[in-house]
Amino acid sequence: MLKSIILLLFAAIVISLFSGLWFLLQDQSRSQRTVNSLIIRVSLASVLLLLLIYGFYSGEISLRSPFPVPTS
């Protein structure tokens, strides 16, 4: 469940990134839509970071090494 929420947030961040680029190219600094897109993107990124921290802390997300770790 947590992993799907993280993926959805990441997708929303990418969509916000490209919508901000679109607003920047279309409006040419005449409106606040680019700034609003940036605010939304930063807010989503902070929520994503908090969810990742929670996931690692709770154990729902773990780091996996593709190589065996030597135990000597």
PDB file of N, CA and C in Angstrom:
ATOM      1  N   MET A   1       0.822  -1.193   0.000  1.00  0.00           N
ATOM      2  CA  MET A   1       0.000   0.000   0.000  1.00  0.00           C
ATOM      3  C   MET A   1       0.871   1.263   0.000  1.00  0.00           C
ATOM      4  N   LEU A   2       1.881   1.270   0.867  1.00  0.00           N
ATOM      5  CA  LEU A   2       2.751   2.440   0.960  1.00  0.00           C
ATOM      6  C   LEU A   2       3.546   2.636  -0.330  1.00  0.00           C
ATOM      7  N   LYS A   3       3.959   1.550  -0.939  1.00  0.00           N
ATOM      8  CA  LYS A   3       4.733   1.653  -2.176  1.00  0.00           C
ATOM      9  C   LYS A   3       3.902   2.242  -3.310  1.00  0.00           C
ATOM     10  N   SER A   4       2.641   1.899  -3.366  1.00  0.00           N
ATOM     11  CA  SER A   4       1.787   2.455  -4.423  1.00  0.00           C
ATOM     12  C   SER A   4       1.530   3.946  -4.191  1.00  0.00           C
ATOM     13  N   ILE A   5       1.406   4.360  -2.939  1.00  0.00           N
ATOM     14  CA  ILE A   5       1.247   5.788  -2.641  1.00  0.00           C
ATOM     15  C   ILE A   5       2.505   6.548  -3.038  1.00  0.00           C
ATOM     16  N   ILE A   6       3.664   5.959  -2.775  1.00  0.00           N
ATOM     17  CA  ILE A   6       4.924   6.593  -3.149  1.00  0.00           C
ATOM     18  C   ILE A   6       5.026   6.725  -4.662  1.00  0.00           C
ATOM     19  N   LEU A   7       4.637   5.691  -5.392  1.00  0.00           N
ATOM     20  CA  LEU A   7       4.670   5.763  -6.853  1.00  0.00           C
ATOM     21  C   LEU A   7       3.704   6.815  -7.390  1.00  0.00           C
ATOM     22  N   LEU A   8       2.527   6.912  -6.795  1.00  0.00           N
ATOM     23  CA  LEU A   8       1.572   7.937  -7.226  1.00  0.00           C
ATOM     24  C   LEU A   8       2.089   9.346  -6.953  1.00  0.00           C
ATOM     25  N   LEU A   9       2.719   9.541  -5.799  1.00  0.00           N
ATOM     26  CA  LEU A   9       3.297  10.851  -5.495  1.00  0.00           C
ATOM     27  C   LEU A   9       4.419  11.194  -6.465  1.00  0.00           C
ATOM     28  N   PHE A  10       5.256  10.211  -6.784  1.00  0.00           N
ATOM     29  CA  PHE A  10       6.329  10.453  -7.735  1.00  0.00           C
ATOM     30  C   PHE A  10       5.765  10.832  -9.104  1.00  0.00           C
ATOM     31  N   ALA A  11       4.719  10.140  -9.533  1.00  0.00           N
ATOM     32  CA  ALA A  11       4.085  10.468 -10.819  1.00  0.00           C
ATOM     33  C   ALA A  11       3.487  11.869 -10.783  1.00  0.00           C
ATOM     34  N   ALA A  12       2.887  12.248  -9.655  1.00  0.00           N
ATOM     35  CA  ALA A  12       2.319  13.591  -9.538  1.00  0.00           C
ATOM     36  C   ALA A  12       3.418  14.651  -9.576  1.00  0.00           C
ATOM     37  N   ILE A  13       4.582  14.354  -9.018  1.00  0.00           N
ATOM     38  CA  ILE A  13       5.701  15.302  -9.062  1.00  0.00           C
ATOM     39  C   ILE A  13       6.172  15.488 -10.502  1.00  0.00           C
ATOM     40  N   VAL A  14       6.271  14.406 -11.248  1.00  0.00           N
ATOM     41  CA  VAL A  14       6.703  14.498 -12.648  1.00  0.00           C
ATOM     42  C   VAL A  14       5.673  15.264 -13.475  1.00  0.00           C
ATOM     43  N   ILE A  15       4.392  15.010 -13.248  1.00  0.00           N
ATOM     44  CA  ILE A  15       3.336  15.743 -13.958  1.00  0.00           C
ATOM     45  C   ILE A  15       3.395  17.222 -13.625  1.00  0.00           C
ATOM     46  N   SER A  16       3.612  17.545 -12.360  1.00  0.00           N
ATOM     47  CA  SER A  16       3.723  18.942 -11.949  1.00  0.00           C
ATOM     48  C   SER A  16       4.945  19.603 -12.575  1.00  0.00           C
ATOM     49  N   LEU A  17       6.022  18.855 -12.710  1.00  0.00           N
ATOM     50  CA  LEU A  17       7.230  19.386 -13.337  1.00  0.00           C
ATOM     51  C   LEU A  17       6.959  19.772 -14.787  1.00  0.00           C
ATOM     52  N   PHE A  18       6.326  18.882 -15.527  1.00  0.00           N
ATOM     53  CA  PHE A  18       6.064  19.182 -16.930  1.00  0.00           C
ATOM     54  C   PHE A  18       4.958  20.224 -17.114  1.00  0.00           C
ATOM     55  N   SER A  19       3.996  20.274 -16.203  1.00  0.00           N
ATOM     56  CA  SER A  19       2.987  21.331 -16.318  1.00  0.00           C
ATOM     57  C   SER A  19       3.606  22.695 -16.020  1.00  0.00           C
ATOM     58  N   GLY A  20       4.554  22.748 -15.079  1.00  0.00           N
ATOM     59  CA  GLY A  20       5.257  24.006 -14.826  1.00  0.00           C
ATOM     60  C   GLY A  20       6.059  24.457 -16.035  1.00  0.00           C
ATOM     61  N   LEU A  21       6.706  23.513 -16.717  1.00  0.00           N
ATOM     62  CA  LEU A  21       7.431  23.847 -17.942  1.00  0.00           C
ATOM     63  C   LEU A  21       6.473  24.357 -19.011  1.00  0.00           C
ATOM     64  N   TRP A  22       5.337  23.707 -19.134  1.00  0.00           N
ATOM     65  CA  TRP A  22       4.340  24.128 -20.129  1.00  0.00           C
ATOM     66  C   TRP A  22       3.836  25.548 -19.818  1.00  0.00           C
ATOM     67  N   PHE A  23       3.536  25.814 -18.537  1.00  0.00           N
ATOM     68  CA  PHE A  23       3.076  27.150 -18.161  1.00  0.00           C
ATOM     69  C   PHE A  23       4.154  28.194 -18.399  1.00  0.00           C
ATOM     70  N   LEU A  24       5.413  27.837 -18.139  1.00  0.00           N
ATOM     71  CA  LEU A  24       6.511  28.766 -18.352  1.00  0.00           C
ATOM     72  C   LEU A  24       6.653  29.128 -19.825  1.00  0.00           C
ATOM     73  N   LEU A  25       6.501  28.136 -20.689  1.00  0.00           N
ATOM     74  CA  LEU A  25       6.642  28.405 -22.121  1.00  0.00           C
ATOM     75  C   LEU A  25       5.427  29.120 -22.702  1.00  0.00           C
ATOM     76  N   GLN A  26       4.235  28.825 -22.194  1.00  0.00           N
ATOM     77  CA  GLN A  26       3.025  29.423 -22.745  1.00  0.00           C
ATOM     78  C   GLN A  26       2.753  30.831 -22.221  1.00  0.00           C
ATOM     79  N   ASP A  27       2.933  31.033 -20.920  1.00  0.00           N
ATOM     80  CA  ASP A  27       2.557  32.314 -20.316  1.00  0.00           C
ATOM     81  C   ASP A  27       3.647  33.368 -20.458  1.00  0.00           C
ATOM     82  N   GLN A  28       4.881  32.976 -20.522  1.00  0.00           N
ATOM     83  CA  GLN A  28       6.026  33.875 -20.621  1.00  0.00           C
ATOM     84  C   GLN A  28       6.007  34.936 -19.522  1.00  0.00           C
ATOM     85  N   SER A  29       5.901  34.450 -18.283  1.00  0.00           N
ATOM     86  CA  SER A  29       6.010  35.257 -17.061  1.00  0.00           C
ATOM     87  C   SER A  29       4.880  36.255 -16.866  1.00  0.00           C
ATOM     88  N   ARG A  30       3.706  35.966 -17.371  1.00  0.00           N
ATOM     89  CA  ARG A  30       2.589  36.877 -17.165  1.00  0.00           C
ATOM     90  C   ARG A  30       1.596  36.377 -16.130  1.00  0.00           C
ATOM     91  N   SER A  31       1.770  35.170 -15.612  1.00  0.00           N
ATOM     92  CA  SER A  31       0.818  34.665 -14.627  1.00  0.00           C
ATOM     93  C   SER A  31       1.553  33.935 -13.515  1.00  0.00           C
ATOM     94  N   GLN A  32       0.814  33.530 -12.528  1.00  0.00           N
ATOM     95  CA  GLN A  32       1.366  32.858 -11.370  1.00  0.00           C
ATOM     96  C   GLN A  32       1.290  31.341 -11.481  1.00  0.00           C
ATOM     97  N   ARG A  33       0.875  30.816 -12.626  1.00  0.00           N
ATOM     98  CA  ARG A  33       0.697  29.373 -12.743  1.00  0.00           C
ATOM     99  C   ARG A  33       2.018  28.613 -12.603  1.00  0.00           C
ATOM    100  N   THR A  34       3.113  29.196 -13.075  1.00  0.00           N
ATOM    101  CA  THR A  34       4.414  28.538 -12.927  1.00  0.00           C
ATOM    102  C   THR A  34       4.816  28.473 -11.463  1.00  0.00           C
ATOM    103  N   VAL A  35       4.591  29.553 -10.740  1.00  0.00           N
ATOM    104  CA  VAL A  35       4.917  29.595  -9.314  1.00  0.00           C
ATOM    105  C   VAL A  35       4.039  28.618  -8.544  1.00  0.00           C
ATOM    106  N   ASN A  36       2.770  28.560  -8.872  1.00  0.00           N
ATOM    107  CA  ASN A  36       1.872  27.607  -8.214  1.00  0.00           C
ATOM    108  C   ASN A  36       2.288  26.164  -8.489  1.00  0.00           C
ATOM    109  N   SER A  37       2.739  25.899  -9.692  1.00  0.00           N
ATOM    110  CA  SER A  37       3.218  24.554 -10.022  1.00  0.00           C
ATOM    111  C   SER A  37       4.461  24.209  -9.211  1.00  0.00           C
ATOM    112  N   LEU A  38       5.330  25.181  -9.025  1.00  0.00           N
ATOM    113  CA  LEU A  38       6.519  24.955  -8.208  1.00  0.00           C
ATOM    114  C   LEU A  38       6.152  24.687  -6.755  1.00  0.00           C
ATOM    115  N   ILE A  39       5.203  25.433  -6.224  1.00  0.00           N
ATOM    116  CA  ILE A  39       4.757  25.228  -4.841  1.00  0.00           C
ATOM    117  C   ILE A  39       4.160  23.832  -4.675  1.00  0.00           C
ATOM    118  N   ILE A  40       3.361  23.415  -5.635  1.00  0.00           N
ATOM    119  CA  ILE A  40       2.766  22.082  -5.572  1.00  0.00           C
ATOM    120  C   ILE A  40       3.849  21.012  -5.644  1.00  0.00           C
ATOM    121  N   ARG A  41       4.826  21.205  -6.532  1.00  0.00           N
ATOM    122  CA  ARG A  41       5.891  20.216  -6.691  1.00  0.00           C
ATOM    123  C   ARG A  41       6.743  20.101  -5.439  1.00  0.00           C
ATOM    124  N   VAL A  42       7.069  21.208  -4.817  1.00  0.00           N
ATOM    125  CA  VAL A  42       7.865  21.181  -3.583  1.00  0.00           C
ATOM    126  C   VAL A  42       7.072  20.539  -2.451  1.00  0.00           C
ATOM    127  N   SER A  43       5.788  20.823  -2.377  1.00  0.00           N
ATOM    128  CA  SER A  43       4.944  20.215  -1.340  1.00  0.00           C
ATOM    129  C   SER A  43       4.849  18.699  -1.532  1.00  0.00           C
ATOM    130  N   LEU A  44       4.643  18.262  -2.759  1.00  0.00           N
ATOM    131  CA  LEU A  44       4.569  16.831  -3.026  1.00  0.00           C
ATOM    132  C   LEU A  44       5.902  16.141  -2.735  1.00  0.00           C
ATOM    133  N   ALA A  45       7.009  16.812  -3.053  1.00  0.00           N
ATOM    134  CA  ALA A  45       8.321  16.218  -2.796  1.00  0.00           C
ATOM    135  C   ALA A  45       8.576  16.091  -1.294  1.00  0.00           C
ATOM    136  N   SER A  46       8.131  17.064  -0.509  1.00  0.00           N
ATOM    137  CA  SER A  46       8.324  16.965   0.939  1.00  0.00           C
ATOM    138  C   SER A  46       7.451  15.857   1.532  1.00  0.00           C
ATOM    139  N   VAL A  47       6.238  15.695   1.027  1.00  0.00           N
ATOM    140  CA  VAL A  47       5.382  14.604   1.491  1.00  0.00           C
ATOM    141  C   VAL A  47       5.995  13.258   1.097  1.00  0.00           C
ATOM    142  N   LEU A  48       6.551  13.187  -0.113  1.00  0.00           N
ATOM    143  CA  LEU A  48       7.215  11.960  -0.554  1.00  0.00           C
ATOM    144  C   LEU A  48       8.405  11.633   0.343  1.00  0.00           C
ATOM    145  N   LEU A  49       9.195  12.627   0.686  1.00  0.00           N
ATOM    146  CA  LEU A  49      10.339  12.401   1.564  1.00  0.00           C
ATOM    147  C   LEU A  49       9.893  11.917   2.938  1.00  0.00           C
ATOM    148  N   LEU A  50       8.845  12.515   3.473  1.00  0.00           N
ATOM    149  CA  LEU A  50       8.331  12.075   4.772  1.00  0.00           C
ATOM    150  C   LEU A  50       7.803  10.640   4.714  1.00  0.00           C
ATOM    151  N   LEU A  51       7.136  10.284   3.625  1.00  0.00           N
ATOM    152  CA  LEU A  51       6.648   8.911   3.476  1.00  0.00           C
ATOM    153  C   LEU A  51       7.794   7.912   3.350  1.00  0.00           C
ATOM    154  N   LEU A  52       8.854   8.299   2.656  1.00  0.00           N
ATOM    155  CA  LEU A  52      10.009   7.418   2.562  1.00  0.00           C
ATOM    156  C   LEU A  52      10.674   7.226   3.917  1.00  0.00           C
ATOM    157  N   ILE A  53      10.800   8.287   4.674  1.00  0.00           N
ATOM    158  CA  ILE A  53      11.376   8.178   6.017  1.00  0.00           C
ATOM    159  C   ILE A  53      10.509   7.287   6.890  1.00  0.00           C
ATOM    160  N   TYR A  54       9.200   7.474   6.830  1.00  0.00           N
ATOM    161  CA  TYR A  54       8.288   6.630   7.604  1.00  0.00           C
ATOM    162  C   TYR A  54       8.390   5.171   7.173  1.00  0.00           C
ATOM    163  N   GLY A  55       8.477   4.936   5.868  1.00  0.00           N
ATOM    164  CA  GLY A  55       8.562   3.572   5.364  1.00  0.00           C
ATOM    165  C   GLY A  55       9.823   2.857   5.824  1.00  0.00           C
ATOM    166  N   PHE A  56      10.948   3.558   5.813  1.00  0.00           N
ATOM    167  CA  PHE A  56      12.190   2.948   6.304  1.00  0.00           C
ATOM    168  C   PHE A  56      12.144   2.735   7.806  1.00  0.00           C
ATOM    169  N   TYR A  57      11.570   3.707   8.526  1.00  0.00           N
ATOM    170  CA  TYR A  57      11.505   3.603   9.987  1.00  0.00           C
ATOM    171  C   TYR A  57      10.585   2.464  10.431  1.00  0.00           C
ATOM    172  N   SER A  58       9.454   2.313   9.750  1.00  0.00           N
ATOM    173  CA  SER A  58       8.496   1.280  10.137  1.00  0.00           C
ATOM    174  C   SER A  58       8.874  -0.104   9.609  1.00  0.00           C
ATOM    175  N   GLY A  59       9.758  -0.167   8.643  1.00  0.00           N
ATOM    176  CA  GLY A  59      10.171  -1.448   8.097  1.00  0.00           C
ATOM    177  C   GLY A  59       9.382  -1.893   6.880  1.00  0.00           C
ATOM    178  N   GLU A  60       8.447  -1.080   6.413  1.00  0.00           N
ATOM    179  CA  GLU A  60       7.685  -1.448   5.217  1.00  0.00           C
ATOM    180  C   GLU A  60       8.541  -1.359   3.959  1.00  0.00           C
ATOM    181  N   ILE A  61       9.557  -0.513   3.996  1.00  0.00           N
ATOM    182  CA  ILE A  61      10.498  -0.379   2.892  1.00  0.00           C
ATOM    183  C   ILE A  61      11.870  -0.737   3.447  1.00  0.00           C
ATOM    184  N   SER A  62      12.586  -1.565   2.734  1.00  0.00           N
ATOM    185  CA  SER A  62      13.925  -1.931   3.198  1.00  0.00           C
ATOM    186  C   SER A  62      14.905  -1.826   2.042  1.00  0.00           C
ATOM    187  N   LEU A  63      16.153  -1.636   2.392  1.00  0.00           N
ATOM    188  CA  LEU A  63      17.207  -1.589   1.390  1.00  0.00           C
ATOM    189  C   LEU A  63      17.650  -3.008   1.071  1.00  0.00           C
ATOM    190  N   ARG A  64      17.818  -3.289  -0.194  1.00  0.00           N
ATOM    191  CA  ARG A  64      18.289  -4.599  -0.617  1.00  0.00           C
ATOM    192  C   ARG A  64      19.555  -4.411  -1.438  1.00  0.00           C
ATOM    193  N   SER A  65      20.577  -5.109  -1.062  1.00  0.00           N
ATOM    194  CA  SER A  65      21.834  -5.052  -1.795  1.00  0.00           C
ATOM    195  C   SER A  65      21.849  -6.159  -2.839  1.00  0.00           C
ATOM    196  N   PRO A  66      22.200  -5.842  -4.081  1.00  0.00           N
ATOM    197  CA  PRO A  66      22.221  -6.897  -5.095  1.00  0.00           C
ATOM    198  C   PRO A  66      23.426  -7.807  -4.977  1.00  0.00           C
ATOM    199  N   PHE A  67      24.398  -7.419  -4.157  1.00  0.00           N
ATOM    200  CA  PHE A  67      25.599  -8.211  -3.977  1.00  0.00           C
ATOM    201  C   PHE A  67      25.676  -8.701  -2.550  1.00  0.00           C
ATOM    202  N   PRO A  68      26.205  -9.907  -2.319  1.00  0.00           N
ATOM    203  CA  PRO A  68      26.330 -10.405  -0.938  1.00  0.00           C
ATOM    204  C   PRO A  68      27.327  -9.556  -0.145  1.00  0.00           C
ATOM    205  N   VAL A  69      26.962  -9.287   1.091  1.00  0.00           N
ATOM    206  CA  VAL A  69      27.816  -8.484   1.961  1.00  0.00           C
ATOM    207  C   VAL A  69      28.779  -9.421   2.692  1.00  0.00           C
ATOM    208  N   PRO A  70      30.097  -9.170   2.602  1.00  0.00           N
ATOM    209  CA  PRO A  70      31.038 -10.034   3.334  1.00  0.00           C
ATOM    210  C   PRO A  70      30.895  -9.858   4.835  1.00  0.00           C
ATOM    211  N   THR A  71      30.987 -10.942   5.571  1.00  0.00           N
ATOM    212  CA  THR A  71      30.794 -10.915   7.030  1.00  0.00           C
ATOM    213  C   THR A  71      32.089 -11.219   7.760  1.00  0.00           C
ATOM    214  N   SER A  72      33.169 -10.562   7.389  1.00  0.00           N
ATOM    215  CA  SER A  72      34.427 -10.824   8.086  1.00  0.00           C
ATOM    216  C   SER A  72      34.926  -9.629   8.850  1.00  0.00           C
TER     217      SER A  72
END
